[in-house]
Amino acid sequence: MIEPDLRAAADLTKALALNGPDAALQLYRDWAATYDSTFAAGMEYNLPAHVARAFLAAKGEGPVLDVGAGTGLLAQSLRDMGLTDPIDGLDFSTEMLARAAEKNLYRRLIHADVTKPLPVRRHYNGITSSGTFTSGHVGPAAFGPMLDIALPNALFSLSVNQRVWTNMGFDTALKTLEQSNHIHDLQRIEVQVYGTAAQAIDPDHANDRAWIVLFRAT
């Protein structure tokens, strides 16, 4: 019997407690080489597949910007599920992007902070993100920059961990965007973040749930 790699639990605990950009850059610099093997595979990290499935079920199409692309898990799910349109990947960590580049999933990789104006033109029909909106990471301040580069009626499929849905203000931010007619067709889908293997590795987070938030830009 293969023993679970408990490094995933330690890495995840650090990630959810990040307190600034410098700490985030250091963590993902150190984590990039083992992220797929210890965390994603070990914990049965199903969130990227949930986001991809929701995007395609809602008739999402490219070009797509994958925000918080990391090592490319969401793009891999989109490709595995049949998307052939161009996908660009954006992330704050150059080391994570380097791992994504090895997989040849993306048209272009972009190093940027999603909470600030993005260095891309407004031409995306789809915006996706998995794992970016969670504890210690990015809050609803990213919605403005993402909407700025989305075409009218672009489909968004974003995961938001339920731990931060209220206390980071995602609920009120999305309601405000809807009421001000910046977005429409807002809906949520509840999903389990990890598979059963996570129980043996990190019982504190194994039962985490997230919302897949779907909406269209106005």
C-alpha atoms as a PDB file:
ATOM      1  CA  MET A   1       0.000   0.000   0.000  1.00  0.00           C
ATOM      2  CA  ILE A   2       1.367   3.422  -0.978  1.00  0.00           C
ATOM      3  CA  GLU A   3       1.530   5.827   1.954  1.00  0.00           C
ATOM      4  CA  PRO A   4      -0.056   9.241   1.302  1.00  0.00           C
ATOM      5  CA  ASP A   5       2.400  12.113   0.803  1.00  0.00           C
ATOM      6  CA  LEU A   6       1.649  14.390   3.743  1.00  0.00           C
ATOM      7  CA  ARG A   7       3.613  17.270   2.239  1.00  0.00           C
ATOM      8  CA  ALA A   8       0.396  18.249   0.471  1.00  0.00           C
ATOM      9  CA  ALA A   9      -1.278  19.076   3.778  1.00  0.00           C
ATOM     10  CA  ALA A  10       1.593  21.287   4.911  1.00  0.00           C
ATOM     11  CA  ASP A  11       1.739  23.087   1.576  1.00  0.00           C
ATOM     12  CA  LEU A  12      -2.014  23.652   1.482  1.00  0.00           C
ATOM     13  CA  THR A  13      -2.040  24.995   5.047  1.00  0.00           C
ATOM     14  CA  LYS A  14       0.679  27.475   4.101  1.00  0.00           C
ATOM     15  CA  ALA A  15      -1.209  28.493   0.956  1.00  0.00           C
ATOM     16  CA  LEU A  16      -4.435  29.200   2.814  1.00  0.00           C
ATOM     17  CA  ALA A  17      -2.596  31.359   5.352  1.00  0.00           C
ATOM     18  CA  LEU A  18      -0.717  33.593   2.903  1.00  0.00           C
ATOM     19  CA  ASN A  19      -0.584  37.215   3.991  1.00  0.00           C
ATOM     20  CA  GLY A  20       0.774  39.122   1.035  1.00  0.00           C
ATOM     21  CA  PRO A  21       2.307  38.955  -2.443  1.00  0.00           C
ATOM     22  CA  ASP A  22       5.864  38.271  -1.272  1.00  0.00           C
ATOM     23  CA  ALA A  23       4.755  35.262   0.752  1.00  0.00           C
ATOM     24  CA  ALA A  24       2.703  34.002  -2.198  1.00  0.00           C
ATOM     25  CA  LEU A  25       5.622  34.277  -4.593  1.00  0.00           C
ATOM     26  CA  GLN A  26       7.893  32.382  -2.198  1.00  0.00           C
ATOM     27  CA  LEU A  27       5.391  29.608  -1.570  1.00  0.00           C
ATOM     28  CA  TYR A  28       4.631  28.964  -5.229  1.00  0.00           C
ATOM     29  CA  ARG A  29       8.312  29.216  -6.145  1.00  0.00           C
ATOM     30  CA  ASP A  30       8.954  26.345  -3.768  1.00  0.00           C
ATOM     31  CA  TRP A  31       5.769  24.413  -4.588  1.00  0.00           C
ATOM     32  CA  ALA A  32       5.821  24.520  -8.397  1.00  0.00           C
ATOM     33  CA  ALA A  33       7.953  21.420  -8.952  1.00  0.00           C
ATOM     34  CA  THR A  34       5.779  19.128  -6.797  1.00  0.00           C
ATOM     35  CA  TYR A  35       2.349  20.792  -7.055  1.00  0.00           C
ATOM     36  CA  ASP A  36       0.905  18.325  -9.547  1.00  0.00           C
ATOM     37  CA  SER A  37       2.294  15.158  -7.968  1.00  0.00           C
ATOM     38  CA  THR A  38       1.878  15.784  -4.222  1.00  0.00           C
ATOM     39  CA  PHE A  39      -1.084  18.138  -4.041  1.00  0.00           C
ATOM     40  CA  ALA A  40      -3.237  17.755  -7.156  1.00  0.00           C
ATOM     41  CA  ALA A  41      -2.834  13.998  -7.548  1.00  0.00           C
ATOM     42  CA  GLY A  42      -2.520  13.166  -3.852  1.00  0.00           C
ATOM     43  CA  MET A  43      -5.557  15.168  -2.742  1.00  0.00           C
ATOM     44  CA  GLU A  44      -7.625  14.283  -5.842  1.00  0.00           C
ATOM     45  CA  TYR A  45      -7.987  17.989  -6.587  1.00  0.00           C
ATOM     46  CA  ASN A  46     -11.183  17.996  -8.641  1.00  0.00           C
ATOM     47  CA  LEU A  47     -11.861  21.735  -8.702  1.00  0.00           C
ATOM     48  CA  PRO A  48     -10.254  22.452 -12.112  1.00  0.00           C
ATOM     49  CA  ALA A  49     -12.433  19.768 -13.713  1.00  0.00           C
ATOM     50  CA  HIS A  50     -15.557  21.196 -12.057  1.00  0.00           C
ATOM     51  CA  VAL A  51     -14.800  24.669 -13.421  1.00  0.00           C
ATOM     52  CA  ALA A  52     -14.103  23.331 -16.910  1.00  0.00           C
ATOM     53  CA  ARG A  53     -17.232  21.195 -16.946  1.00  0.00           C
ATOM     54  CA  ALA A  54     -19.441  24.114 -15.887  1.00  0.00           C
ATOM     55  CA  PHE A  55     -17.870  26.390 -18.499  1.00  0.00           C
ATOM     56  CA  LEU A  56     -18.473  23.963 -21.340  1.00  0.00           C
ATOM     57  CA  ALA A  57     -21.973  23.016 -20.150  1.00  0.00           C
ATOM     58  CA  ALA A  58     -22.888  26.712 -20.329  1.00  0.00           C
ATOM     59  CA  LYS A  59     -21.656  26.827 -23.947  1.00  0.00           C
ATOM     60  CA  GLY A  60     -18.418  28.627 -23.175  1.00  0.00           C
ATOM     61  CA  GLU A  61     -16.047  29.288 -26.034  1.00  0.00           C
ATOM     62  CA  GLY A  62     -12.702  30.915 -26.708  1.00  0.00           C
ATOM     63  CA  PRO A  63     -10.525  32.660 -26.753  1.00  0.00           C
ATOM     64  CA  VAL A  64     -10.333  31.885 -23.032  1.00  0.00           C
ATOM     65  CA  LEU A  65      -8.239  33.543 -20.337  1.00  0.00           C
ATOM     66  CA  ASP A  66      -7.371  31.122 -17.519  1.00  0.00           C
ATOM     67  CA  VAL A  67      -6.785  33.322 -14.451  1.00  0.00           C
ATOM     68  CA  GLY A  68      -4.497  31.874 -11.798  1.00  0.00           C
ATOM     69  CA  ALA A  69      -3.461  29.271 -14.325  1.00  0.00           C
ATOM     70  CA  GLY A  70      -0.830  27.689 -12.093  1.00  0.00           C
ATOM     71  CA  THR A  71       0.567  24.525 -13.661  1.00  0.00           C
ATOM     72  CA  GLY A  72      -2.259  24.307 -16.205  1.00  0.00           C
ATOM     73  CA  LEU A  73      -4.695  21.924 -14.510  1.00  0.00           C
ATOM     74  CA  LEU A  74      -7.800  23.817 -15.618  1.00  0.00           C
ATOM     75  CA  ALA A  75      -6.575  24.163 -19.191  1.00  0.00           C
ATOM     76  CA  GLN A  76      -5.802  20.441 -19.225  1.00  0.00           C
ATOM     77  CA  SER A  77      -9.373  19.717 -18.134  1.00  0.00           C
ATOM     78  CA  LEU A  78     -10.760  22.000 -20.833  1.00  0.00           C
ATOM     79  CA  ARG A  79      -8.649  20.248 -23.470  1.00  0.00           C
ATOM     80  CA  ASP A  80      -9.565  16.788 -22.171  1.00  0.00           C
ATOM     81  CA  MET A  81     -13.252  17.750 -22.376  1.00  0.00           C
ATOM     82  CA  GLY A  82     -12.926  18.800 -25.995  1.00  0.00           C
ATOM     83  CA  LEU A  83     -12.197  22.539 -26.104  1.00  0.00           C
ATOM     84  CA  THR A  84      -9.989  23.342 -29.080  1.00  0.00           C
ATOM     85  CA  ASP A  85     -10.251  27.145 -28.939  1.00  0.00           C
ATOM     86  CA  PRO A  86      -7.232  29.245 -27.881  1.00  0.00           C
ATOM     87  CA  ILE A  87      -6.497  29.446 -24.142  1.00  0.00           C
ATOM     88  CA  ASP A  88      -4.179  32.017 -22.585  1.00  0.00           C
ATOM     89  CA  GLY A  89      -2.886  31.485 -19.049  1.00  0.00           C
ATOM     90  CA  LEU A  90      -2.263  34.202 -16.482  1.00  0.00           C
ATOM     91  CA  ASP A  91      -0.535  33.801 -13.135  1.00  0.00           C
ATOM     92  CA  PHE A  92       1.440  35.757 -10.539  1.00  0.00           C
ATOM     93  CA  SER A  93       4.112  33.041 -10.255  1.00  0.00           C
ATOM     94  CA  THR A  94       6.695  32.639 -13.017  1.00  0.00           C
ATOM     95  CA  GLU A  95       7.664  29.233 -11.633  1.00  0.00           C
ATOM     96  CA  MET A  96       4.104  27.916 -11.898  1.00  0.00           C
ATOM     97  CA  LEU A  97       3.820  29.311 -15.420  1.00  0.00           C
ATOM     98  CA  ALA A  98       7.057  27.543 -16.352  1.00  0.00           C
ATOM     99  CA  ARG A  99       5.467  24.243 -15.351  1.00  0.00           C
ATOM    100  CA  ALA A 100       2.374  25.090 -17.388  1.00  0.00           C
ATOM    101  CA  ALA A 101       4.512  25.897 -20.426  1.00  0.00           C
ATOM    102  CA  GLU A 102       5.876  22.348 -20.429  1.00  0.00           C
ATOM    103  CA  LYS A 103       2.385  20.996 -21.163  1.00  0.00           C
ATOM    104  CA  ASN A 104       1.803  22.935 -24.402  1.00  0.00           C
ATOM    105  CA  LEU A 105      -1.785  23.775 -23.475  1.00  0.00           C
ATOM    106  CA  TYR A 106      -1.751  27.520 -23.914  1.00  0.00           C
ATOM    107  CA  ARG A 107      -1.456  29.939 -26.803  1.00  0.00           C
ATOM    108  CA  ARG A 108       0.223  32.479 -24.530  1.00  0.00           C
ATOM    109  CA  LEU A 109       1.346  32.715 -20.910  1.00  0.00           C
ATOM    110  CA  ILE A 110       1.058  36.021 -19.073  1.00  0.00           C
ATOM    111  CA  HIS A 111       2.814  37.012 -15.861  1.00  0.00           C
ATOM    112  CA  ALA A 112       0.526  39.493 -14.084  1.00  0.00           C
ATOM    113  CA  ASP A 113      -1.372  40.404 -10.927  1.00  0.00           C
ATOM    114  CA  VAL A 114      -5.101  39.973 -11.559  1.00  0.00           C
ATOM    115  CA  THR A 115      -6.008  42.638  -8.988  1.00  0.00           C
ATOM    116  CA  LYS A 116      -4.385  45.289 -11.217  1.00  0.00           C
ATOM    117  CA  PRO A 117      -5.057  46.373 -14.836  1.00  0.00           C
ATOM    118  CA  LEU A 118      -4.069  43.455 -17.056  1.00  0.00           C
ATOM    119  CA  PRO A 119      -1.541  43.700 -19.897  1.00  0.00           C
ATOM    120  CA  VAL A 120      -3.860  42.149 -22.481  1.00  0.00           C
ATOM    121  CA  ARG A 121      -6.408  43.563 -24.892  1.00  0.00           C
ATOM    122  CA  ARG A 122     -10.146  43.134 -24.556  1.00  0.00           C
ATOM    123  CA  HIS A 123     -10.812  40.108 -26.713  1.00  0.00           C
ATOM    124  CA  TYR A 124     -11.794  37.151 -24.492  1.00  0.00           C
ATOM    125  CA  ASN A 125     -15.082  35.284 -24.881  1.00  0.00           C
ATOM    126  CA  GLY A 126     -14.377  33.223 -21.780  1.00  0.00           C
ATOM    127  CA  ILE A 127     -12.734  33.807 -18.387  1.00  0.00           C
ATOM    128  CA  THR A 128     -12.044  30.804 -16.168  1.00  0.00           C
ATOM    129  CA  SER A 129     -10.338  30.366 -12.810  1.00  0.00           C
ATOM    130  CA  SER A 130      -9.822  27.494 -10.380  1.00  0.00           C
ATOM    131  CA  GLY A 131      -8.399  27.844  -6.880  1.00  0.00           C
ATOM    132  CA  THR A 132      -7.557  31.536  -7.110  1.00  0.00           C
ATOM    133  CA  PHE A 133     -10.443  32.848  -5.024  1.00  0.00           C
ATOM    134  CA  THR A 134      -9.768  31.219  -1.665  1.00  0.00           C
ATOM    135  CA  SER A 135      -8.242  31.910   1.748  1.00  0.00           C
ATOM    136  CA  GLY A 136      -4.925  33.744   1.598  1.00  0.00           C
ATOM    137  CA  HIS A 137      -5.318  34.490  -2.087  1.00  0.00           C
ATOM    138  CA  VAL A 138      -7.376  36.823  -4.283  1.00  0.00           C
ATOM    139  CA  GLY A 139     -10.575  38.650  -3.346  1.00  0.00           C
ATOM    140  CA  PRO A 140     -13.316  40.280  -5.436  1.00  0.00           C
ATOM    141  CA  ALA A 141     -10.994  43.162  -6.342  1.00  0.00           C
ATOM    142  CA  ALA A 142     -10.062  41.010  -9.348  1.00  0.00           C
ATOM    143  CA  PHE A 143     -13.527  41.266 -10.901  1.00  0.00           C
ATOM    144  CA  GLY A 144     -12.889  44.745 -12.323  1.00  0.00           C
ATOM    145  CA  PRO A 145      -9.656  43.886 -14.178  1.00  0.00           C
ATOM    146  CA  MET A 146     -11.197  40.656 -15.500  1.00  0.00           C
ATOM    147  CA  LEU A 147     -14.324  42.404 -16.777  1.00  0.00           C
ATOM    148  CA  ASP A 148     -12.151  45.040 -18.447  1.00  0.00           C
ATOM    149  CA  ILE A 149     -10.653  42.469 -20.826  1.00  0.00           C
ATOM    150  CA  ALA A 150     -13.851  40.476 -21.463  1.00  0.00           C
ATOM    151  CA  LEU A 151     -15.938  40.906 -24.589  1.00  0.00           C
ATOM    152  CA  PRO A 152     -19.670  41.636 -24.258  1.00  0.00           C
ATOM    153  CA  ASN A 153     -21.506  38.491 -23.184  1.00  0.00           C
ATOM    154  CA  ALA A 154     -18.245  36.713 -22.310  1.00  0.00           C
ATOM    155  CA  LEU A 155     -18.845  33.715 -20.040  1.00  0.00           C
ATOM    156  CA  PHE A 156     -17.115  33.572 -16.643  1.00  0.00           C
ATOM    157  CA  SER A 157     -16.637  30.279 -14.799  1.00  0.00           C
ATOM    158  CA  LEU A 158     -14.842  30.884 -11.504  1.00  0.00           C
ATOM    159  CA  SER A 159     -14.415  28.830  -8.353  1.00  0.00           C
ATOM    160  CA  VAL A 160     -14.865  30.571  -4.984  1.00  0.00           C
ATOM    161  CA  ASN A 161     -14.110  28.570  -1.848  1.00  0.00           C
ATOM    162  CA  GLN A 162     -17.065  28.650   0.512  1.00  0.00           C
ATOM    163  CA  ARG A 163     -14.739  29.557   3.393  1.00  0.00           C
ATOM    164  CA  VAL A 164     -14.319  33.043   1.894  1.00  0.00           C
ATOM    165  CA  TRP A 165     -17.660  33.549   0.123  1.00  0.00           C
ATOM    166  CA  THR A 166     -19.022  35.903   2.781  1.00  0.00           C
ATOM    167  CA  ASN A 167     -16.024  37.017   4.819  1.00  0.00           C
ATOM    168  CA  MET A 168     -14.122  38.266   1.743  1.00  0.00           C
ATOM    169  CA  GLY A 169     -17.262  39.849   0.289  1.00  0.00           C
ATOM    170  CA  PHE A 170     -17.795  37.780  -2.849  1.00  0.00           C
ATOM    171  CA  ASP A 171     -21.527  37.590  -2.195  1.00  0.00           C
ATOM    172  CA  THR A 172     -21.987  41.360  -1.988  1.00  0.00           C
ATOM    173  CA  ALA A 173     -19.525  42.123  -4.803  1.00  0.00           C
ATOM    174  CA  LEU A 174     -21.357  39.891  -7.273  1.00  0.00           C
ATOM    175  CA  LYS A 175     -24.742  41.224  -6.193  1.00  0.00           C
ATOM    176  CA  THR A 176     -23.490  44.778  -6.773  1.00  0.00           C
ATOM    177  CA  LEU A 177     -22.127  43.895 -10.217  1.00  0.00           C
ATOM    178  CA  GLU A 178     -25.451  42.298 -11.141  1.00  0.00           C
ATOM    179  CA  GLN A 179     -27.544  45.194  -9.852  1.00  0.00           C
ATOM    180  CA  SER A 180     -25.352  47.723 -11.671  1.00  0.00           C
ATOM    181  CA  ASN A 181     -25.764  45.753 -14.911  1.00  0.00           C
ATOM    182  CA  HIS A 182     -22.080  44.890 -15.263  1.00  0.00           C
ATOM    183  CA  ILE A 183     -22.931  41.176 -15.324  1.00  0.00           C
ATOM    184  CA  HIS A 184     -25.998  39.039 -16.002  1.00  0.00           C
ATOM    185  CA  ASP A 185     -27.184  35.417 -15.836  1.00  0.00           C
ATOM    186  CA  LEU A 186     -25.484  34.916 -12.456  1.00  0.00           C
ATOM    187  CA  GLN A 187     -25.713  31.409 -11.022  1.00  0.00           C
ATOM    188  CA  ARG A 188     -23.841  29.167  -8.578  1.00  0.00           C
ATOM    189  CA  ILE A 189     -23.063  25.458  -8.539  1.00  0.00           C
ATOM    190  CA  GLU A 190     -21.859  23.785  -5.321  1.00  0.00           C
ATOM    191  CA  VAL A 191     -19.002  21.295  -5.681  1.00  0.00           C
ATOM    192  CA  GLN A 192     -16.625  19.248  -3.534  1.00  0.00           C
ATOM    193  CA  VAL A 193     -13.047  20.495  -3.941  1.00  0.00           C
ATOM    194  CA  TYR A 194     -11.238  17.203  -3.247  1.00  0.00           C
ATOM    195  CA  GLY A 195     -11.820  13.495  -3.692  1.00  0.00           C
ATOM    196  CA  THR A 196     -11.877  10.821  -1.013  1.00  0.00           C
ATOM    197  CA  ALA A 197      -8.085  10.400  -1.014  1.00  0.00           C
ATOM    198  CA  ALA A 198      -7.774  13.793   0.688  1.00  0.00           C
ATOM    199  CA  GLN A 199      -9.165  12.364   3.941  1.00  0.00           C
ATOM    200  CA  ALA A 200      -5.943  10.466   4.596  1.00  0.00           C
ATOM    201  CA  ILE A 201      -3.734  13.445   3.790  1.00  0.00           C
ATOM    202  CA  ASP A 202      -5.484  16.539   5.119  1.00  0.00           C
ATOM    203  CA  PRO A 203      -8.694  15.893   7.061  1.00  0.00           C
ATOM    204  CA  ASP A 204      -8.907  19.580   8.009  1.00  0.00           C
ATOM    205  CA  HIS A 205      -9.546  20.562   4.385  1.00  0.00           C
ATOM    206  CA  ALA A 206     -10.695  17.309   2.796  1.00  0.00           C
ATOM    207  CA  ASN A 207     -14.362  18.273   2.951  1.00  0.00           C
ATOM    208  CA  ASP A 208     -13.945  21.781   1.570  1.00  0.00           C
ATOM    209  CA  ARG A 209     -16.642  22.894  -0.803  1.00  0.00           C
ATOM    210  CA  ALA A 210     -16.671  25.680  -3.361  1.00  0.00           C
ATOM    211  CA  TRP A 211     -19.097  27.580  -5.510  1.00  0.00           C
ATOM    212  CA  ILE A 212     -18.612  27.515  -9.250  1.00  0.00           C
ATOM    213  CA  VAL A 213     -19.829  31.001 -10.124  1.00  0.00           C
ATOM    214  CA  LEU A 214     -21.145  31.441 -13.653  1.00  0.00           C
ATOM    215  CA  PHE A 215     -22.120  34.768 -15.182  1.00  0.00           C
ATOM    216  CA  ARG A 216     -21.833  36.726 -18.398  1.00  0.00           C
ATOM    217  CA  ALA A 217     -20.325  40.153 -18.914  1.00  0.00           C
ATOM    218  CA  THR A 218     -22.717  42.838 -20.060  1.00  0.00           C
END
